[in-house]
Amino acid sequence: VDSSAPGGAAVLDAYNTPGYNNVRDSVQNICPHSTMAANGHIKCSFSRLIDTGDFLEDKNLNDSYYLLYAAVDTKPVGLGSTLGLSKHSQTPLKTSVPVNIVS
């Protein structure tokens, strides 16, 4: 999601290299339908082929992958729980097993 876009949000096709460097995909295989950023929330709707044929820059969604979460607890342990956004590279949280999002 590009938060500097008009309206506060836009969906881009990108991938991470080792070291969490975000690189814009040379072929934008994503079809954005709607995006909105308001009151600290980002909502986006988009579609993409399950297999784009771009095996160098896109994952085949027929396969299973770990999902990364961007929400983290922003309060120290014992002081309640407040979820906030964070960078995956600073506070990586992932599913315990690979997930197939197509099935």
N, C-alpha and C. Protein backbone atom coordinates (compact mmCIF):
# COMPACT_ATOMS: atom_id res chain seq x y z
N VAL A 1 0.84 -1.17 0.00
CA VAL A 1 0.00 0.00 0.00
C VAL A 1 0.88 1.23 0.00
N ASP A 2 0.62 2.15 -0.90
CA ASP A 2 1.35 3.42 -1.00
C ASP A 2 0.51 4.49 -0.33
N SER A 3 0.89 4.90 0.89
CA SER A 3 0.08 5.87 1.64
C SER A 3 0.28 7.30 1.17
N SER A 4 1.22 7.54 0.24
CA SER A 4 1.42 8.90 -0.26
C SER A 4 0.57 9.19 -1.50
N ALA A 5 -0.21 8.22 -1.94
CA ALA A 5 -1.04 8.37 -3.13
C ALA A 5 -2.22 9.30 -2.85
N PRO A 6 -2.80 9.88 -3.90
CA PRO A 6 -4.00 10.70 -3.71
C PRO A 6 -5.09 9.88 -3.01
N GLY A 7 -5.75 10.46 -2.04
CA GLY A 7 -6.76 9.74 -1.27
C GLY A 7 -6.17 8.96 -0.12
N GLY A 8 -4.84 8.93 -0.02
CA GLY A 8 -4.19 8.31 1.13
C GLY A 8 -3.78 6.88 0.97
N ALA A 9 -4.17 6.21 -0.12
CA ALA A 9 -3.78 4.81 -0.27
C ALA A 9 -3.87 4.38 -1.73
N ALA A 10 -2.97 3.52 -2.12
CA ALA A 10 -2.99 2.88 -3.43
C ALA A 10 -2.32 1.52 -3.30
N VAL A 11 -2.79 0.53 -4.03
CA VAL A 11 -2.21 -0.81 -3.98
C VAL A 11 -1.17 -0.93 -5.09
N LEU A 12 0.01 -1.41 -4.72
CA LEU A 12 1.09 -1.63 -5.68
C LEU A 12 1.52 -3.08 -5.64
N ASP A 13 1.99 -3.60 -6.75
CA ASP A 13 2.57 -4.94 -6.82
C ASP A 13 4.06 -4.79 -6.52
N ALA A 14 4.49 -5.33 -5.38
CA ALA A 14 5.89 -5.21 -4.97
C ALA A 14 6.29 -6.48 -4.23
N TYR A 15 7.58 -6.65 -4.01
CA TYR A 15 8.10 -7.80 -3.27
C TYR A 15 9.28 -7.36 -2.42
N ASN A 16 9.63 -8.19 -1.44
CA ASN A 16 10.76 -7.90 -0.57
C ASN A 16 11.96 -8.75 -0.94
N THR A 17 13.11 -8.12 -0.93
CA THR A 17 14.37 -8.83 -1.12
C THR A 17 14.91 -9.17 0.27
N PRO A 18 15.93 -10.02 0.36
CA PRO A 18 16.53 -10.26 1.68
C PRO A 18 16.93 -8.92 2.32
N GLY A 19 16.65 -8.78 3.59
CA GLY A 19 16.90 -7.52 4.27
C GLY A 19 15.70 -6.61 4.24
N TYR A 20 14.56 -7.10 3.74
CA TYR A 20 13.29 -6.38 3.73
C TYR A 20 13.33 -5.10 2.89
N ASN A 21 14.01 -5.14 1.78
CA ASN A 21 14.00 -4.00 0.86
C ASN A 21 12.83 -4.16 -0.09
N ASN A 22 11.89 -3.24 -0.04
CA ASN A 22 10.68 -3.29 -0.86
C ASN A 22 11.01 -2.83 -2.27
N VAL A 23 10.72 -3.68 -3.26
CA VAL A 23 11.02 -3.39 -4.66
C VAL A 23 9.71 -3.46 -5.46
N ARG A 24 9.43 -2.42 -6.22
CA ARG A 24 8.23 -2.41 -7.07
C ARG A 24 8.42 -3.42 -8.20
N ASP A 25 7.44 -4.29 -8.38
CA ASP A 25 7.46 -5.31 -9.43
C ASP A 25 7.52 -4.64 -10.79
N SER A 26 8.34 -5.18 -11.69
CA SER A 26 8.47 -4.58 -13.02
C SER A 26 7.19 -4.71 -13.84
N VAL A 27 6.35 -5.69 -13.52
CA VAL A 27 5.04 -5.85 -14.17
C VAL A 27 3.98 -5.77 -13.08
N GLN A 28 3.11 -4.79 -13.16
CA GLN A 28 2.06 -4.60 -12.16
C GLN A 28 0.90 -5.55 -12.47
N ASN A 29 0.91 -6.74 -11.81
CA ASN A 29 -0.10 -7.77 -12.04
C ASN A 29 -1.29 -7.64 -11.12
N ILE A 30 -1.50 -6.48 -10.56
CA ILE A 30 -2.55 -6.28 -9.57
C ILE A 30 -3.63 -5.36 -10.15
N CYS A 31 -4.87 -5.64 -9.84
CA CYS A 31 -5.99 -4.81 -10.31
C CYS A 31 -6.66 -4.18 -9.10
N PRO A 32 -6.32 -2.93 -8.79
CA PRO A 32 -6.96 -2.30 -7.64
C PRO A 32 -8.42 -1.98 -7.94
N HIS A 33 -9.29 -2.23 -6.97
CA HIS A 33 -10.71 -1.94 -7.12
C HIS A 33 -11.10 -0.71 -6.30
N SER A 34 -10.60 -0.63 -5.07
CA SER A 34 -10.88 0.55 -4.25
C SER A 34 -9.84 0.64 -3.14
N THR A 35 -9.50 1.86 -2.77
CA THR A 35 -8.60 2.09 -1.64
C THR A 35 -9.09 3.30 -0.85
N MET A 36 -8.83 3.27 0.46
CA MET A 36 -9.24 4.38 1.30
C MET A 36 -8.37 4.39 2.55
N ALA A 37 -7.92 5.57 2.94
CA ALA A 37 -7.20 5.73 4.21
C ALA A 37 -7.91 6.82 4.99
N ALA A 38 -8.38 6.48 6.20
CA ALA A 38 -9.08 7.45 7.04
C ALA A 38 -9.03 7.01 8.49
N ASN A 39 -8.89 7.96 9.37
CA ASN A 39 -8.94 7.71 10.82
C ASN A 39 -7.98 6.60 11.26
N GLY A 40 -6.79 6.55 10.66
CA GLY A 40 -5.81 5.56 11.06
C GLY A 40 -6.03 4.17 10.50
N HIS A 41 -6.99 4.00 9.60
CA HIS A 41 -7.28 2.70 9.00
C HIS A 41 -7.05 2.76 7.50
N ILE A 42 -6.55 1.68 6.94
CA ILE A 42 -6.38 1.55 5.50
C ILE A 42 -7.25 0.40 5.03
N LYS A 43 -8.11 0.67 4.06
CA LYS A 43 -8.94 -0.38 3.47
C LYS A 43 -8.63 -0.45 1.99
N CYS A 44 -8.41 -1.65 1.49
CA CYS A 44 -8.16 -1.78 0.05
C CYS A 44 -8.76 -3.08 -0.46
N SER A 45 -9.20 -3.03 -1.67
CA SER A 45 -9.76 -4.18 -2.35
C SER A 45 -9.05 -4.30 -3.69
N PHE A 46 -8.53 -5.49 -3.97
CA PHE A 46 -7.80 -5.69 -5.22
C PHE A 46 -7.91 -7.15 -5.64
N SER A 47 -7.56 -7.42 -6.87
CA SER A 47 -7.54 -8.80 -7.36
C SER A 47 -6.25 -9.04 -8.13
N ARG A 48 -5.95 -10.32 -8.30
CA ARG A 48 -4.74 -10.71 -9.01
C ARG A 48 -4.93 -12.15 -9.46
N LEU A 49 -4.35 -12.52 -10.57
CA LEU A 49 -4.40 -13.92 -10.99
C LEU A 49 -3.72 -14.79 -9.95
N ILE A 50 -4.21 -16.01 -9.75
CA ILE A 50 -3.58 -16.93 -8.80
C ILE A 50 -2.15 -17.23 -9.23
N ASP A 51 -1.94 -17.45 -10.51
CA ASP A 51 -0.60 -17.67 -11.06
C ASP A 51 -0.40 -16.67 -12.20
N THR A 52 0.42 -15.65 -11.97
CA THR A 52 0.63 -14.60 -12.96
C THR A 52 1.61 -15.03 -14.06
N GLY A 53 2.34 -16.12 -13.82
CA GLY A 53 3.37 -16.53 -14.77
C GLY A 53 4.69 -15.80 -14.53
N ASP A 54 4.70 -14.84 -13.64
CA ASP A 54 5.89 -14.05 -13.31
C ASP A 54 6.56 -14.69 -12.09
N PHE A 55 7.23 -15.84 -12.30
CA PHE A 55 7.77 -16.60 -11.19
C PHE A 55 8.95 -15.93 -10.49
N LEU A 56 9.54 -14.90 -11.11
CA LEU A 56 10.67 -14.19 -10.47
C LEU A 56 10.21 -13.14 -9.46
N GLU A 57 9.02 -12.55 -9.68
CA GLU A 57 8.60 -11.44 -8.83
C GLU A 57 7.24 -11.65 -8.16
N ASP A 58 6.50 -12.69 -8.52
CA ASP A 58 5.19 -12.95 -7.92
C ASP A 58 5.14 -14.38 -7.40
N LYS A 59 4.47 -14.57 -6.29
CA LYS A 59 4.26 -15.91 -5.74
C LYS A 59 3.04 -16.54 -6.41
N ASN A 60 3.11 -17.84 -6.65
CA ASN A 60 1.98 -18.59 -7.15
C ASN A 60 1.07 -18.86 -5.95
N LEU A 61 -0.13 -18.33 -5.97
CA LEU A 61 -1.02 -18.44 -4.82
C LEU A 61 -1.64 -19.82 -4.65
N ASN A 62 -1.34 -20.77 -5.56
CA ASN A 62 -1.74 -22.16 -5.35
C ASN A 62 -0.86 -22.80 -4.29
N ASP A 63 0.31 -22.21 -3.99
CA ASP A 63 1.23 -22.72 -2.99
C ASP A 63 0.90 -22.14 -1.62
N SER A 64 1.47 -22.71 -0.58
CA SER A 64 1.25 -22.23 0.80
C SER A 64 2.44 -21.39 1.25
N TYR A 65 2.15 -20.34 2.03
CA TYR A 65 3.17 -19.42 2.51
C TYR A 65 2.85 -19.00 3.93
N TYR A 66 3.89 -18.58 4.65
CA TYR A 66 3.68 -17.96 5.96
C TYR A 66 3.11 -16.56 5.73
N LEU A 67 2.15 -16.16 6.55
CA LEU A 67 1.60 -14.81 6.48
C LEU A 67 2.26 -13.95 7.54
N LEU A 68 2.64 -12.74 7.18
CA LEU A 68 3.24 -11.80 8.12
C LEU A 68 2.16 -10.84 8.61
N TYR A 69 2.19 -10.54 9.89
CA TYR A 69 1.25 -9.59 10.48
C TYR A 69 1.94 -8.25 10.70
N ALA A 70 1.23 -7.17 10.46
CA ALA A 70 1.78 -5.84 10.69
C ALA A 70 1.34 -5.27 12.03
N ALA A 71 0.38 -5.89 12.69
CA ALA A 71 -0.09 -5.39 13.98
C ALA A 71 0.75 -5.96 15.10
N VAL A 72 1.16 -5.11 16.03
CA VAL A 72 1.96 -5.56 17.18
C VAL A 72 1.41 -4.92 18.45
N ASP A 73 1.72 -5.51 19.59
CA ASP A 73 1.32 -4.95 20.87
C ASP A 73 2.27 -3.79 21.19
N THR A 74 1.73 -2.60 21.34
CA THR A 74 2.57 -1.41 21.54
C THR A 74 2.81 -1.08 23.01
N LYS A 75 2.21 -1.85 23.93
CA LYS A 75 2.42 -1.61 25.36
C LYS A 75 3.28 -2.73 25.94
N PRO A 76 4.10 -2.43 26.95
CA PRO A 76 4.88 -3.49 27.61
C PRO A 76 3.97 -4.55 28.22
N VAL A 77 4.50 -5.76 28.37
CA VAL A 77 3.74 -6.86 28.95
C VAL A 77 3.22 -6.46 30.32
N GLY A 78 1.96 -6.76 30.61
CA GLY A 78 1.36 -6.47 31.91
C GLY A 78 0.65 -5.14 31.97
N LEU A 79 0.75 -4.32 30.92
CA LEU A 79 0.11 -3.01 30.94
C LEU A 79 -1.07 -2.91 29.97
N GLY A 80 -1.68 -4.03 29.68
CA GLY A 80 -2.81 -4.02 28.74
C GLY A 80 -2.31 -4.28 27.33
N SER A 81 -3.20 -4.28 26.42
CA SER A 81 -2.84 -4.56 25.03
C SER A 81 -3.37 -3.47 24.12
N THR A 82 -2.50 -2.87 23.35
CA THR A 82 -2.88 -1.89 22.36
C THR A 82 -2.20 -2.27 21.06
N LEU A 83 -2.97 -2.59 20.04
CA LEU A 83 -2.38 -2.98 18.77
C LEU A 83 -2.04 -1.75 17.94
N GLY A 84 -0.90 -1.78 17.30
CA GLY A 84 -0.47 -0.72 16.42
C GLY A 84 0.23 -1.32 15.21
N LEU A 85 0.51 -0.49 14.22
CA LEU A 85 1.21 -0.97 13.04
C LEU A 85 2.70 -0.91 13.26
N SER A 86 3.42 -1.84 12.65
CA SER A 86 4.87 -1.86 12.76
C SER A 86 5.46 -2.45 11.50
N LYS A 87 6.76 -2.32 11.36
CA LYS A 87 7.45 -2.89 10.19
C LYS A 87 7.75 -4.36 10.45
N HIS A 88 7.55 -5.19 9.42
CA HIS A 88 7.82 -6.62 9.54
C HIS A 88 9.26 -6.88 9.94
N SER A 89 10.19 -6.04 9.46
CA SER A 89 11.60 -6.26 9.74
C SER A 89 11.95 -5.98 11.20
N GLN A 90 11.17 -5.14 11.87
CA GLN A 90 11.46 -4.79 13.26
C GLN A 90 10.78 -5.74 14.23
N THR A 91 9.58 -6.16 13.94
CA THR A 91 8.82 -7.02 14.83
C THR A 91 8.12 -8.11 14.03
N PRO A 92 8.89 -9.05 13.47
CA PRO A 92 8.26 -10.05 12.60
C PRO A 92 7.34 -10.99 13.38
N LEU A 93 6.07 -11.00 12.99
CA LEU A 93 5.09 -11.95 13.51
C LEU A 93 4.52 -12.69 12.32
N LYS A 94 4.49 -14.01 12.39
CA LYS A 94 3.98 -14.79 11.26
C LYS A 94 3.11 -15.92 11.74
N THR A 95 2.36 -16.50 10.82
CA THR A 95 1.55 -17.67 11.15
C THR A 95 2.49 -18.81 11.57
N SER A 96 1.99 -19.71 12.39
CA SER A 96 2.83 -20.80 12.88
C SER A 96 3.08 -21.86 11.82
N VAL A 97 2.21 -21.94 10.83
CA VAL A 97 2.37 -22.87 9.72
C VAL A 97 2.06 -22.16 8.41
N PRO A 98 2.59 -22.65 7.29
CA PRO A 98 2.23 -22.03 6.00
C PRO A 98 0.73 -22.14 5.74
N VAL A 99 0.18 -21.12 5.10
CA VAL A 99 -1.26 -21.03 4.83
C VAL A 99 -1.50 -20.97 3.33
N ASN A 100 -2.51 -21.69 2.85
CA ASN A 100 -2.92 -21.60 1.47
C ASN A 100 -4.15 -20.70 1.42
N ILE A 101 -4.01 -19.51 0.86
CA ILE A 101 -5.12 -18.55 0.88
C ILE A 101 -6.17 -18.82 -0.19
N VAL A 102 -5.86 -19.69 -1.14
CA VAL A 102 -6.82 -19.99 -2.22
C VAL A 102 -7.86 -21.00 -1.72
N SER A 103 -7.45 -21.96 -0.91
CA SER A 103 -8.40 -23.00 -0.48
C SER A 103 -9.30 -22.55 0.63
